[in-house]
Amino acid sequence: MRQRIWKRSVSALITGIFTQCAVLSMASAGEVLNFRVLKDGEPIGYEKVEITPTASGRTVRVETLTDVSVLFLKFHYDHQRTEQWHDDKLVSVEITTNDDGTHYTWQASYDEDCYQLAGKGVGKRNACDGAWPLSLWSEDITVKTDLYSVINAEPYGVQTRKVGTENVTVENRETPATHYIMSGDIERDLWYGPDGKLLKTSFKRKGYDIDFIRVDAMTLQQ
């Protein structure tokens, strides 16, 4: 009798350990969003958004690289960004960017809606307007009216309205998405999937049509 109880206890303990390990493994696995960047329909680069759960929230690492020649001019954009989140509150942002030869390196640290921003190419700023960087990977940004550039921290005032639900072609598949239009200092068309993650964004830059479209990792390497 005691042996059977002991075996059950050991079995329950092992099952509990495996269950806990599985949960921790799923939590630590995170998620990667890959985007192909197009200019007038032609590929010019990529963006990768790596979302990693932490004990208190998540860490988001963004890497963007575009390299394109237009006539006799060559445009280069190399950007790395790390966002730290506590639950749904932004705690800090660290950014390094090479924008066609102009370099920016800066940080922003938050205390609720107040933040301090300082670094190379942006000077210093203290504000309590709750502004976020123009980081579009999450649908949560559509409720914000105060944003700032991920390149040089220039402040933006925006309004975002929901257009409705429609299908977006992602990887040759029709995917349901919620369409928003951001206007004001920044103009973007935004499409988010049912999980609240970005599927596509479209905008104009220097007269060209620019699109970021979600793809899988294998497609991005082609």
Protein backbone atom coordinates (compact mmCIF):
# COMPACT_ATOMS: atom_id res chain seq x y z
CA MET A 1 0.00 0.00 0.00
CA ARG A 2 2.72 2.46 0.98
CA GLN A 3 4.67 1.49 -2.15
CA ARG A 4 1.67 2.26 -4.38
CA ILE A 5 1.19 5.64 -2.68
CA TRP A 6 4.90 6.39 -3.05
CA LYS A 7 4.81 5.48 -6.76
CA ARG A 8 1.77 7.73 -7.29
CA SER A 9 3.51 10.60 -5.49
CA VAL A 10 6.65 10.18 -7.59
CA SER A 11 4.56 9.95 -10.77
CA ALA A 12 2.62 13.10 -9.85
CA LEU A 13 5.86 14.92 -9.04
CA ILE A 14 7.43 13.96 -12.37
CA THR A 15 4.28 14.95 -14.24
CA GLY A 16 4.27 18.31 -12.45
CA ILE A 17 7.92 18.93 -13.28
CA PHE A 18 7.40 18.13 -16.97
CA THR A 19 4.30 20.33 -17.09
CA GLN A 20 6.14 23.23 -15.48
CA CYS A 21 9.09 22.78 -17.85
CA ALA A 22 6.73 22.76 -20.83
CA VAL A 23 5.09 25.98 -19.66
CA LEU A 24 8.46 27.65 -19.08
CA SER A 25 9.67 26.46 -22.46
CA MET A 26 6.64 27.93 -24.19
CA ALA A 27 7.07 31.21 -22.29
CA SER A 28 10.74 31.49 -23.17
CA ALA A 29 10.24 30.52 -26.83
CA GLY A 30 8.94 33.94 -27.78
CA GLU A 31 7.93 34.97 -31.29
CA VAL A 32 9.66 36.39 -34.36
CA LEU A 33 7.89 38.61 -36.90
CA ASN A 34 9.68 38.85 -40.25
CA PHE A 35 8.88 41.55 -42.80
CA ARG A 36 10.04 42.10 -46.34
CA VAL A 37 10.49 45.79 -47.24
CA LEU A 38 9.40 46.84 -50.72
CA LYS A 39 9.91 50.06 -52.68
CA ASP A 40 7.44 50.40 -55.53
CA GLY A 41 6.93 46.65 -55.29
CA GLU A 42 10.63 45.73 -55.41
CA PRO A 43 12.42 44.18 -52.40
CA ILE A 44 14.95 46.52 -50.78
CA GLY A 45 15.45 45.02 -47.32
CA TYR A 46 13.91 43.40 -44.29
CA GLU A 47 12.76 43.96 -40.73
CA LYS A 48 12.84 41.40 -37.93
CA VAL A 49 10.92 41.83 -34.66
CA GLU A 50 11.88 39.37 -31.92
CA ILE A 51 9.45 39.26 -28.96
CA THR A 52 10.78 37.44 -25.89
CA PRO A 53 8.72 36.99 -22.71
CA THR A 54 10.39 37.96 -19.43
CA ALA A 55 9.41 37.42 -15.80
CA SER A 56 7.69 40.83 -15.70
CA GLY A 57 6.73 41.47 -19.32
CA ARG A 58 8.66 41.18 -22.56
CA THR A 59 11.74 42.31 -24.45
CA VAL A 60 11.31 43.36 -28.06
CA ARG A 61 14.32 43.55 -30.36
CA VAL A 62 13.92 45.13 -33.79
CA GLU A 63 16.41 44.97 -36.64
CA THR A 64 15.79 46.81 -39.91
CA LEU A 65 18.07 46.96 -42.94
CA THR A 66 17.34 48.56 -46.31
CA ASP A 67 19.86 49.24 -49.04
CA VAL A 68 18.79 50.66 -52.39
CA SER A 69 20.15 52.72 -55.26
CA VAL A 70 17.96 55.27 -57.01
CA LEU A 71 19.48 56.69 -60.18
CA PHE A 72 23.04 57.53 -59.07
CA LEU A 73 22.19 57.81 -55.37
CA LYS A 74 22.54 55.04 -52.79
CA PHE A 75 20.26 55.01 -49.74
CA HIS A 76 21.19 52.98 -46.68
CA TYR A 77 19.21 52.42 -43.48
CA ASP A 78 20.50 50.21 -40.66
CA HIS A 79 18.49 50.25 -37.42
CA GLN A 80 18.56 48.28 -34.16
CA ARG A 81 16.11 48.87 -31.31
CA THR A 82 15.50 47.20 -27.95
CA GLU A 83 12.25 47.83 -26.09
CA GLN A 84 11.70 46.69 -22.51
CA TRP A 85 8.09 46.24 -21.40
CA HIS A 86 6.61 45.64 -17.96
CA ASP A 87 3.20 44.13 -18.66
CA ASP A 88 1.79 46.62 -21.21
CA LYS A 89 3.86 49.57 -19.99
CA LEU A 90 6.97 50.68 -21.88
CA VAL A 91 9.95 50.85 -19.50
CA SER A 92 12.88 51.73 -21.77
CA VAL A 93 14.04 52.03 -25.37
CA GLU A 94 17.60 51.81 -26.74
CA ILE A 95 18.21 52.73 -30.38
CA THR A 96 21.14 52.72 -32.79
CA THR A 97 20.61 53.89 -36.38
CA ASN A 98 22.67 54.61 -39.47
CA ASP A 99 20.36 56.70 -41.64
CA ASP A 100 22.23 57.08 -44.93
CA GLY A 101 25.49 57.92 -43.14
CA THR A 102 24.01 59.93 -40.25
CA HIS A 103 24.40 58.06 -36.97
CA TYR A 104 22.07 58.16 -33.96
CA THR A 105 22.47 56.40 -30.63
CA TRP A 106 20.05 57.21 -27.82
CA GLN A 107 17.98 55.88 -24.94
CA ALA A 108 14.62 56.65 -23.36
CA SER A 109 13.66 55.57 -19.85
CA TYR A 110 10.10 55.69 -18.50
CA ASP A 111 8.43 56.22 -15.16
CA GLU A 112 4.73 55.73 -15.94
CA ASP A 113 3.84 58.42 -18.55
CA CYS A 114 6.99 60.46 -17.90
CA TYR A 115 10.25 59.72 -19.69
CA GLN A 116 13.77 61.02 -20.15
CA LEU A 117 15.41 60.83 -23.54
CA ALA A 118 19.06 61.53 -24.34
CA GLY A 119 21.83 60.49 -26.68
CA LYS A 120 23.82 61.18 -29.83
CA GLY A 121 21.89 63.10 -32.45
CA VAL A 122 18.80 63.79 -30.31
CA GLY A 123 19.95 65.97 -27.40
CA LYS A 124 17.91 65.67 -24.20
CA ARG A 125 14.20 65.69 -23.51
CA ASN A 126 11.98 65.26 -20.46
CA ALA A 127 8.26 64.82 -21.06
CA CYS A 128 5.15 63.39 -19.43
CA ASP A 129 2.94 62.94 -22.50
CA GLY A 130 3.24 59.15 -22.50
CA ALA A 131 4.65 59.16 -26.03
CA TRP A 132 5.89 55.90 -27.55
CA PRO A 133 8.41 55.47 -30.35
CA LEU A 134 6.89 54.84 -33.78
CA SER A 135 7.07 51.10 -33.17
CA LEU A 136 4.26 49.55 -35.19
CA TRP A 137 4.54 45.83 -34.41
CA SER A 138 1.65 45.93 -31.87
CA GLU A 139 -1.92 47.08 -32.46
CA ASP A 140 -1.73 48.85 -29.06
CA ILE A 141 -0.05 51.81 -30.76
CA THR A 142 -3.30 52.70 -32.55
CA VAL A 143 -4.67 54.33 -29.35
CA LYS A 144 -1.66 56.66 -28.96
CA THR A 145 -1.78 60.30 -30.05
CA ASP A 146 1.80 61.19 -29.06
CA LEU A 147 4.69 59.35 -30.71
CA TYR A 148 8.30 60.04 -31.67
CA SER A 149 10.66 58.97 -34.44
CA VAL A 150 12.67 55.78 -34.00
CA ILE A 151 15.47 57.50 -35.92
CA ASN A 152 16.02 60.92 -34.33
CA ALA A 153 13.25 61.03 -31.67
CA GLU A 154 11.40 63.86 -33.45
CA PRO A 155 7.98 64.22 -31.73
CA TYR A 156 4.84 63.37 -33.71
CA GLY A 157 1.19 64.14 -33.12
CA VAL A 158 -1.10 61.56 -34.76
CA GLN A 159 -4.66 60.31 -34.95
CA THR A 160 -5.51 56.73 -35.91
CA ARG A 161 -8.91 55.58 -37.08
CA LYS A 162 -10.18 52.08 -37.73
CA VAL A 163 -11.30 51.52 -41.32
CA GLY A 164 -12.71 48.03 -40.85
CA THR A 165 -11.94 44.36 -41.36
CA GLU A 166 -10.56 43.12 -44.66
CA ASN A 167 -8.27 40.45 -46.06
CA VAL A 168 -4.57 41.04 -46.65
CA THR A 169 -2.45 38.84 -48.90
CA VAL A 170 0.40 37.44 -46.82
CA GLU A 171 2.52 34.59 -48.22
CA ASN A 172 -0.01 34.16 -51.06
CA ARG A 173 -2.74 33.57 -48.48
CA GLU A 174 -5.75 35.73 -47.74
CA THR A 175 -5.43 36.67 -44.05
CA PRO A 176 -8.15 38.51 -42.08
CA ALA A 177 -6.90 41.85 -40.74
CA THR A 178 -8.07 45.05 -39.10
CA HIS A 179 -7.19 48.07 -41.22
CA TYR A 180 -6.26 51.41 -39.62
CA ILE A 181 -5.19 54.75 -41.08
CA MET A 182 -2.73 56.87 -39.09
CA SER A 183 -2.66 60.57 -39.98
CA GLY A 184 -1.14 63.82 -38.71
CA ASP A 185 2.61 64.23 -38.55
CA ILE A 186 2.92 60.60 -39.71
CA GLU A 187 0.80 58.88 -42.34
CA ARG A 188 0.55 55.10 -42.38
CA ASP A 189 -1.87 52.43 -43.51
CA LEU A 190 -1.72 49.62 -40.96
CA TRP A 191 -3.11 46.08 -40.99
CA TYR A 192 -3.11 43.92 -37.85
CA GLY A 193 -3.95 40.24 -37.56
CA PRO A 194 -6.31 38.62 -35.03
CA ASP A 195 -3.35 38.29 -32.63
CA GLY A 196 -2.85 42.09 -32.58
CA LYS A 197 0.50 41.85 -34.41
CA LEU A 198 1.37 43.82 -37.54
CA LEU A 199 0.78 42.12 -40.89
CA LYS A 200 1.48 45.04 -43.20
CA THR A 201 2.16 48.75 -43.27
CA SER A 202 2.23 51.06 -46.30
CA PHE A 203 3.37 54.65 -46.68
CA LYS A 204 5.11 57.14 -48.95
CA ARG A 205 8.76 58.07 -48.51
CA LYS A 206 10.51 60.58 -50.78
CA GLY A 207 7.79 60.00 -53.36
CA TYR A 208 8.10 56.21 -53.39
CA ASP A 209 5.60 53.59 -52.21
CA ILE A 210 7.05 51.67 -49.26
CA ASP A 211 5.51 48.47 -47.90
CA PHE A 212 6.47 46.26 -44.95
CA ILE A 213 4.77 42.88 -45.48
CA ARG A 214 4.93 39.92 -43.08
CA VAL A 215 6.67 36.83 -44.45
CA ASP A 216 8.08 33.67 -42.94
CA ALA A 217 11.80 33.30 -42.28
CA MET A 218 12.40 30.99 -45.26
CA THR A 219 10.74 33.41 -47.69
CA LEU A 220 12.81 36.29 -46.35
CA GLN A 221 16.02 34.40 -47.23
CA GLN A 222 14.98 33.88 -50.86
